[in-house]
Amino acid sequence: MIYMEELRKLVGKTFLNSLVAVCVGAFLTASGYVLTSVFQVRIPALEIFDQVNTIANDSAATRRIAEDNRAGIQDNRKAILDLRIAQDVAEYDETLSGVLGGCRIGTVCIAKFYLRRTEFGLNCGLPSAIPYVENHSRAPIRTQFVGFKPVEVGRDWETLETPFRVPNSALPGDGGFYVRIEYPGCVPDDPDGLIYESTITLPFEILPAE
């Protein structure tokens, strides 16, 4: 009887140890699955983070490129403006220019331009020119020179007398005279190119026809 009792205790202990071993094994297996799942989730998450970071860096680079482009456009606009200013062919002194008085409709008047060529303008050839008379708020009226042909001027200031006819279609009152000029050969690389430029407008009074 004592032997059978010891045997039962031994079997019970063995069963308990087996049960504990099974539970521990199951726990470790489940833990391994959970850890494996966690690492499997973290790895794609890290990949997504890297992709987002890459996109953010690309966006920042794109913004920098856009800002550089805008700055370049502004620089180009300034360069074009500077080039246009530098390409003036002639410069005028308004205080020493004017139209002689007594200008009646249908008669000849004399405009005097005090001018010289710019450094750039020295490259230009003999110009062609068309005179215009402004009259009140009306559109400029094309008119004609009287005994005058365009000439080339140099870097020294000089007075250029320009006789013109006051158009018959003009009205008495305030008027203005200017010349639209076409300059050839200003750009060595473009011998056929033309530059268009207007003189300053000289104000004068248009008197009624007699």
C-alpha atoms as a PDB file:
ATOM      1  CA  MET A   1       0.000   0.000   0.000  1.00  0.00           C
ATOM      2  CA  ILE A   2       2.817   2.320   0.797  1.00  0.00           C
ATOM      3  CA  TYR A   3       4.330   1.559  -2.583  1.00  0.00           C
ATOM      4  CA  MET A   4       1.079   2.345  -4.444  1.00  0.00           C
ATOM      5  CA  GLU A   5       0.756   5.664  -2.609  1.00  0.00           C
ATOM      6  CA  GLU A   6       4.290   6.694  -3.562  1.00  0.00           C
ATOM      7  CA  LEU A   7       3.599   5.674  -7.149  1.00  0.00           C
ATOM      8  CA  ARG A   8       0.506   7.869  -7.302  1.00  0.00           C
ATOM      9  CA  LYS A   9       2.504  10.869  -5.978  1.00  0.00           C
ATOM     10  CA  LEU A  10       5.202  10.271  -8.522  1.00  0.00           C
ATOM     11  CA  VAL A  11       2.708  10.062 -11.385  1.00  0.00           C
ATOM     12  CA  GLY A  12       0.940  13.174 -10.186  1.00  0.00           C
ATOM     13  CA  LYS A  13       4.185  15.136 -10.012  1.00  0.00           C
ATOM     14  CA  THR A  14       5.177  13.954 -13.461  1.00  0.00           C
ATOM     15  CA  PHE A  15       1.778  14.963 -14.887  1.00  0.00           C
ATOM     16  CA  LEU A  16       2.018  18.376 -13.224  1.00  0.00           C
ATOM     17  CA  ASN A  17       5.505  18.937 -14.572  1.00  0.00           C
ATOM     18  CA  SER A  18       4.354  17.914 -18.041  1.00  0.00           C
ATOM     19  CA  LEU A  19       1.403  20.258 -17.826  1.00  0.00           C
ATOM     20  CA  VAL A  20       3.648  23.125 -16.743  1.00  0.00           C
ATOM     21  CA  ALA A  21       6.049  22.337 -19.571  1.00  0.00           C
ATOM     22  CA  VAL A  22       3.185  22.328 -22.065  1.00  0.00           C
ATOM     23  CA  CYS A  23       1.892  25.671 -20.784  1.00  0.00           C
ATOM     24  CA  VAL A  24       5.331  27.250 -20.808  1.00  0.00           C
ATOM     25  CA  GLY A  25       5.915  25.965 -24.341  1.00  0.00           C
ATOM     26  CA  ALA A  26       2.593  27.318 -25.500  1.00  0.00           C
ATOM     27  CA  PHE A  27       3.323  30.695 -23.868  1.00  0.00           C
ATOM     28  CA  LEU A  28       6.736  30.888 -25.470  1.00  0.00           C
ATOM     29  CA  THR A  29       5.267  29.945 -28.854  1.00  0.00           C
ATOM     30  CA  ALA A  30       2.566  32.601 -28.544  1.00  0.00           C
ATOM     31  CA  SER A  31       5.118  35.176 -27.401  1.00  0.00           C
ATOM     32  CA  GLY A  32       7.319  34.353 -30.324  1.00  0.00           C
ATOM     33  CA  TYR A  33       4.393  34.828 -32.692  1.00  0.00           C
ATOM     34  CA  VAL A  34       3.503  38.147 -31.110  1.00  0.00           C
ATOM     35  CA  LEU A  35       7.095  39.393 -31.241  1.00  0.00           C
ATOM     36  CA  THR A  36       7.423  38.172 -34.801  1.00  0.00           C
ATOM     37  CA  SER A  37       4.188  39.988 -35.729  1.00  0.00           C
ATOM     38  CA  VAL A  38       5.366  43.150 -34.008  1.00  0.00           C
ATOM     39  CA  PHE A  39       8.641  43.148 -35.898  1.00  0.00           C
ATOM     40  CA  GLN A  40       6.801  42.382 -39.125  1.00  0.00           C
ATOM     41  CA  VAL A  41       4.588  45.432 -38.534  1.00  0.00           C
ATOM     42  CA  ARG A  42       7.490  47.678 -37.521  1.00  0.00           C
ATOM     43  CA  ILE A  43       9.524  46.875 -40.616  1.00  0.00           C
ATOM     44  CA  PRO A  44       6.852  48.164 -43.096  1.00  0.00           C
ATOM     45  CA  ALA A  45       6.278  51.136 -40.792  1.00  0.00           C
ATOM     46  CA  LEU A  46       9.952  52.044 -41.007  1.00  0.00           C
ATOM     47  CA  GLU A  47       9.816  51.677 -44.777  1.00  0.00           C
ATOM     48  CA  ILE A  48       6.775  53.991 -44.948  1.00  0.00           C
ATOM     49  CA  PHE A  49       8.554  56.525 -42.729  1.00  0.00           C
ATOM     50  CA  ASP A  50      11.566  56.461 -45.056  1.00  0.00           C
ATOM     51  CA  GLN A  51       9.279  57.004 -48.066  1.00  0.00           C
ATOM     52  CA  VAL A  52       7.491  59.913 -46.386  1.00  0.00           C
ATOM     53  CA  ASN A  53      10.831  61.443 -45.430  1.00  0.00           C
ATOM     54  CA  THR A  54      12.038  61.058 -49.013  1.00  0.00           C
ATOM     55  CA  ILE A  55       8.884  62.743 -50.365  1.00  0.00           C
ATOM     56  CA  ALA A  56       9.297  65.584 -47.863  1.00  0.00           C
ATOM     57  CA  ASN A  57      12.892  66.078 -48.937  1.00  0.00           C
ATOM     58  CA  ASP A  58      11.837  66.029 -52.593  1.00  0.00           C
ATOM     59  CA  SER A  59       9.134  68.606 -51.872  1.00  0.00           C
ATOM     60  CA  ALA A  60      11.659  70.865 -50.146  1.00  0.00           C
ATOM     61  CA  ALA A  61      14.004  70.503 -53.096  1.00  0.00           C
ATOM     62  CA  THR A  62      11.141  71.326 -55.473  1.00  0.00           C
ATOM     63  CA  ARG A  63      10.331  74.469 -53.476  1.00  0.00           C
ATOM     64  CA  ARG A  64      13.966  75.517 -53.584  1.00  0.00           C
ATOM     65  CA  ILE A  65      14.049  74.996 -57.347  1.00  0.00           C
ATOM     66  CA  ALA A  66      10.836  77.031 -57.748  1.00  0.00           C
ATOM     67  CA  GLU A  67      12.269  79.843 -55.607  1.00  0.00           C
ATOM     68  CA  ASP A  68      15.480  79.802 -57.638  1.00  0.00           C
ATOM     69  CA  ASN A  69      13.431  79.942 -60.849  1.00  0.00           C
ATOM     70  CA  ARG A  70      11.423  82.911 -59.583  1.00  0.00           C
ATOM     71  CA  ALA A  71      14.625  84.707 -58.618  1.00  0.00           C
ATOM     72  CA  GLY A  72      16.054  83.916 -62.043  1.00  0.00           C
ATOM     73  CA  ILE A  73      12.962  85.303 -63.766  1.00  0.00           C
ATOM     74  CA  GLN A  74      13.200  88.521 -61.741  1.00  0.00           C
ATOM     75  CA  ASP A  75      16.881  88.835 -62.636  1.00  0.00           C
ATOM     76  CA  ASN A  76      16.030  88.288 -66.304  1.00  0.00           C
ATOM     77  CA  ARG A  77      13.308  90.950 -66.194  1.00  0.00           C
ATOM     78  CA  LYS A  78      15.764  93.412 -64.660  1.00  0.00           C
ATOM     79  CA  ALA A  79      18.380  92.508 -67.277  1.00  0.00           C
ATOM     80  CA  ILE A  80      15.836  93.051 -70.073  1.00  0.00           C
ATOM     81  CA  LEU A  81      14.835  96.419 -68.585  1.00  0.00           C
ATOM     82  CA  ASP A  82      18.483  97.434 -68.279  1.00  0.00           C
ATOM     83  CA  LEU A  83      19.052  96.327 -71.864  1.00  0.00           C
ATOM     84  CA  ARG A  84      16.085  98.374 -73.108  1.00  0.00           C
ATOM     85  CA  ILE A  85      17.407 101.448 -71.296  1.00  0.00           C
ATOM     86  CA  ALA A  86      20.880 100.845 -72.698  1.00  0.00           C
ATOM     87  CA  GLN A  87      19.443 100.514 -76.215  1.00  0.00           C
ATOM     88  CA  ASP A  88      18.092 104.054 -76.451  1.00  0.00           C
ATOM     89  CA  VAL A  89      19.548 105.370 -79.688  1.00  0.00           C
ATOM     90  CA  ALA A  90      19.251 109.090 -78.969  1.00  0.00           C
ATOM     91  CA  GLU A  91      18.873 111.323 -75.941  1.00  0.00           C
ATOM     92  CA  TYR A  92      17.202 114.744 -75.883  1.00  0.00           C
ATOM     93  CA  ASP A  93      17.444 117.938 -73.848  1.00  0.00           C
ATOM     94  CA  GLU A  94      13.849 119.077 -73.364  1.00  0.00           C
ATOM     95  CA  THR A  95      14.837 122.497 -72.051  1.00  0.00           C
ATOM     96  CA  LEU A  96      16.619 123.384 -75.306  1.00  0.00           C
ATOM     97  CA  SER A  97      14.079 121.760 -77.636  1.00  0.00           C
ATOM     98  CA  GLY A  98      10.777 123.243 -78.808  1.00  0.00           C
ATOM     99  CA  VAL A  99       8.511 124.406 -81.631  1.00  0.00           C
ATOM    100  CA  LEU A 100       8.744 127.954 -82.917  1.00  0.00           C
ATOM    101  CA  GLY A 101       5.513 129.950 -82.461  1.00  0.00           C
ATOM    102  CA  GLY A 102       2.978 131.026 -85.061  1.00  0.00           C
ATOM    103  CA  CYS A 103       1.924 127.525 -86.185  1.00  0.00           C
ATOM    104  CA  ARG A 104      -1.318 127.746 -88.139  1.00  0.00           C
ATOM    105  CA  ILE A 105      -3.360 124.917 -89.585  1.00  0.00           C
ATOM    106  CA  GLY A 106      -2.124 124.051 -93.083  1.00  0.00           C
ATOM    107  CA  THR A 107       1.141 126.009 -92.743  1.00  0.00           C
ATOM    108  CA  VAL A 108       4.742 125.014 -92.072  1.00  0.00           C
ATOM    109  CA  CYS A 109       6.159 125.031 -88.553  1.00  0.00           C
ATOM    110  CA  ILE A 110       9.711 124.416 -87.364  1.00  0.00           C
ATOM    111  CA  ALA A 111      10.552 122.032 -84.543  1.00  0.00           C
ATOM    112  CA  LYS A 112      13.984 122.141 -82.945  1.00  0.00           C
ATOM    113  CA  PHE A 113      15.418 119.045 -81.288  1.00  0.00           C
ATOM    114  CA  TYR A 114      18.534 119.372 -79.178  1.00  0.00           C
ATOM    115  CA  LEU A 115      19.946 115.844 -79.192  1.00  0.00           C
ATOM    116  CA  ARG A 116      22.837 113.460 -79.533  1.00  0.00           C
ATOM    117  CA  ARG A 117      23.383 109.743 -80.038  1.00  0.00           C
ATOM    118  CA  THR A 118      24.005 107.401 -77.122  1.00  0.00           C
ATOM    119  CA  GLU A 119      27.023 105.115 -77.093  1.00  0.00           C
ATOM    120  CA  PHE A 120      24.763 102.327 -78.296  1.00  0.00           C
ATOM    121  CA  GLY A 121      23.212 104.600 -80.922  1.00  0.00           C
ATOM    122  CA  LEU A 122      26.571 105.176 -82.586  1.00  0.00           C
ATOM    123  CA  ASN A 123      26.250 101.673 -84.018  1.00  0.00           C
ATOM    124  CA  CYS A 124      23.041 102.550 -85.855  1.00  0.00           C
ATOM    125  CA  GLY A 125      22.849 103.661 -89.470  1.00  0.00           C
ATOM    126  CA  LEU A 126      20.907 106.396 -91.259  1.00  0.00           C
ATOM    127  CA  PRO A 127      17.338 106.425 -89.916  1.00  0.00           C
ATOM    128  CA  SER A 128      14.005 106.810 -91.645  1.00  0.00           C
ATOM    129  CA  ALA A 129      11.374 108.962 -89.941  1.00  0.00           C
ATOM    130  CA  ILE A 130       7.656 109.792 -89.942  1.00  0.00           C
ATOM    131  CA  PRO A 131       6.356 112.988 -88.252  1.00  0.00           C
ATOM    132  CA  TYR A 132       3.140 113.151 -86.208  1.00  0.00           C
ATOM    133  CA  VAL A 133       1.047 115.937 -84.705  1.00  0.00           C
ATOM    134  CA  GLU A 134      -0.983 115.334 -81.550  1.00  0.00           C
ATOM    135  CA  ASN A 135      -4.167 117.358 -81.228  1.00  0.00           C
ATOM    136  CA  HIS A 136      -6.251 117.479 -78.015  1.00  0.00           C
ATOM    137  CA  SER A 137      -7.390 113.956 -77.111  1.00  0.00           C
ATOM    138  CA  ARG A 138      -7.541 112.772 -80.696  1.00  0.00           C
ATOM    139  CA  ALA A 139      -5.234 110.094 -82.102  1.00  0.00           C
ATOM    140  CA  PRO A 140      -1.921 111.404 -83.491  1.00  0.00           C
ATOM    141  CA  ILE A 141      -2.192 112.700 -87.041  1.00  0.00           C
ATOM    142  CA  ARG A 142       0.467 111.663 -89.496  1.00  0.00           C
ATOM    143  CA  THR A 143       1.914 114.666 -91.305  1.00  0.00           C
ATOM    144  CA  GLN A 144       4.911 115.405 -93.547  1.00  0.00           C
ATOM    145  CA  PHE A 145       8.304 117.051 -93.429  1.00  0.00           C
ATOM    146  CA  VAL A 146       8.916 120.112 -95.561  1.00  0.00           C
ATOM    147  CA  GLY A 147      12.408 120.251 -97.075  1.00  0.00           C
ATOM    148  CA  PHE A 148      13.873 117.932 -94.447  1.00  0.00           C
ATOM    149  CA  LYS A 149      15.580 114.553 -94.666  1.00  0.00           C
ATOM    150  CA  PRO A 150      16.733 112.490 -91.705  1.00  0.00           C
ATOM    151  CA  VAL A 151      20.433 112.736 -90.854  1.00  0.00           C
ATOM    152  CA  GLU A 152      22.866 110.947 -88.562  1.00  0.00           C
ATOM    153  CA  VAL A 153      24.067 112.756 -85.470  1.00  0.00           C
ATOM    154  CA  GLY A 154      27.047 111.921 -83.248  1.00  0.00           C
ATOM    155  CA  ARG A 155      27.884 112.011 -79.572  1.00  0.00           C
ATOM    156  CA  ASP A 156      28.144 115.795 -79.484  1.00  0.00           C
ATOM    157  CA  TRP A 157      24.996 117.765 -78.666  1.00  0.00           C
ATOM    158  CA  GLU A 158      23.509 119.586 -81.644  1.00  0.00           C
ATOM    159  CA  THR A 159      20.291 121.281 -82.706  1.00  0.00           C
ATOM    160  CA  LEU A 160      18.311 119.643 -85.482  1.00  0.00           C
ATOM    161  CA  GLU A 161      15.709 121.871 -87.143  1.00  0.00           C
ATOM    162  CA  THR A 162      12.768 119.899 -88.472  1.00  0.00           C
ATOM    163  CA  PRO A 163      10.192 121.771 -90.621  1.00  0.00           C
ATOM    164  CA  PHE A 164       6.771 120.089 -90.741  1.00  0.00           C
ATOM    165  CA  ARG A 165       3.284 120.920 -91.941  1.00  0.00           C
ATOM    166  CA  VAL A 166       0.394 121.333 -89.512  1.00  0.00           C
ATOM    167  CA  PRO A 167      -2.319 119.011 -90.889  1.00  0.00           C
ATOM    168  CA  ASN A 168      -5.518 120.536 -92.276  1.00  0.00           C
ATOM    169  CA  SER A 169      -7.474 118.071 -90.119  1.00  0.00           C
ATOM    170  CA  ALA A 170      -5.990 119.491 -86.927  1.00  0.00           C
ATOM    171  CA  LEU A 171      -8.090 121.624 -84.593  1.00  0.00           C
ATOM    172  CA  PRO A 172      -7.043 124.910 -82.999  1.00  0.00           C
ATOM    173  CA  GLY A 173      -5.698 124.571 -79.485  1.00  0.00           C
ATOM    174  CA  ASP A 174      -3.066 122.526 -77.719  1.00  0.00           C
ATOM    175  CA  GLY A 175      -0.913 120.317 -79.905  1.00  0.00           C
ATOM    176  CA  GLY A 176       2.283 118.299 -79.827  1.00  0.00           C
ATOM    177  CA  PHE A 177       4.878 117.264 -82.388  1.00  0.00           C
ATOM    178  CA  TYR A 178       7.044 114.145 -82.396  1.00  0.00           C
ATOM    179  CA  VAL A 179       8.836 111.908 -84.867  1.00  0.00           C
ATOM    180  CA  ARG A 180       8.684 108.130 -85.087  1.00  0.00           C
ATOM    181  CA  ILE A 181      12.145 106.910 -86.104  1.00  0.00           C
ATOM    182  CA  GLU A 182      13.354 103.589 -87.524  1.00  0.00           C
ATOM    183  CA  TYR A 183      17.040 102.817 -86.985  1.00  0.00           C
ATOM    184  CA  PRO A 184      18.825 100.067 -88.978  1.00  0.00           C
ATOM    185  CA  GLY A 185      22.061  98.235 -88.252  1.00  0.00           C
ATOM    186  CA  CYS A 186      22.162  98.844 -84.504  1.00  0.00           C
ATOM    187  CA  VAL A 187      23.014  95.243 -83.593  1.00  0.00           C
ATOM    188  CA  PRO A 188      26.107  93.827 -85.332  1.00  0.00           C
ATOM    189  CA  ASP A 189      24.827  90.250 -85.077  1.00  0.00           C
ATOM    190  CA  ASP A 190      21.520  91.256 -86.701  1.00  0.00           C
ATOM    191  CA  PRO A 191      22.295  93.635 -89.590  1.00  0.00           C
ATOM    192  CA  ASP A 192      18.720  93.432 -90.896  1.00  0.00           C
ATOM    193  CA  GLY A 193      17.181  94.175 -87.517  1.00  0.00           C
ATOM    194  CA  LEU A 194      15.461  97.483 -86.829  1.00  0.00           C
ATOM    195  CA  ILE A 195      14.973  99.522 -83.685  1.00  0.00           C
ATOM    196  CA  TYR A 196      11.950 101.806 -83.431  1.00  0.00           C
ATOM    197  CA  GLU A 197      12.118 104.878 -81.255  1.00  0.00           C
ATOM    198  CA  SER A 198      10.158 108.104 -80.891  1.00  0.00           C
ATOM    199  CA  THR A 199      11.538 111.536 -80.146  1.00  0.00           C
ATOM    200  CA  ILE A 200      10.287 113.516 -77.204  1.00  0.00           C
ATOM    201  CA  THR A 201       6.969 115.273 -77.832  1.00  0.00           C
ATOM    202  CA  LEU A 202       7.261 119.027 -78.240  1.00  0.00           C
ATOM    203  CA  PRO A 203       4.141 120.928 -77.120  1.00  0.00           C
ATOM    204  CA  PHE A 204       2.921 123.897 -79.183  1.00  0.00           C
ATOM    205  CA  GLU A 205      -0.237 125.894 -79.887  1.00  0.00           C
ATOM    206  CA  ILE A 206      -2.141 125.259 -83.094  1.00  0.00           C
ATOM    207  CA  LEU A 207      -3.626 128.458 -84.478  1.00  0.00           C
ATOM    208  CA  PRO A 208      -6.677 128.595 -86.763  1.00  0.00           C
ATOM    209  CA  ALA A 209      -6.110 128.761 -90.508  1.00  0.00           C
ATOM    210  CA  GLU A 210      -6.205 132.256 -91.988  1.00  0.00           C
END
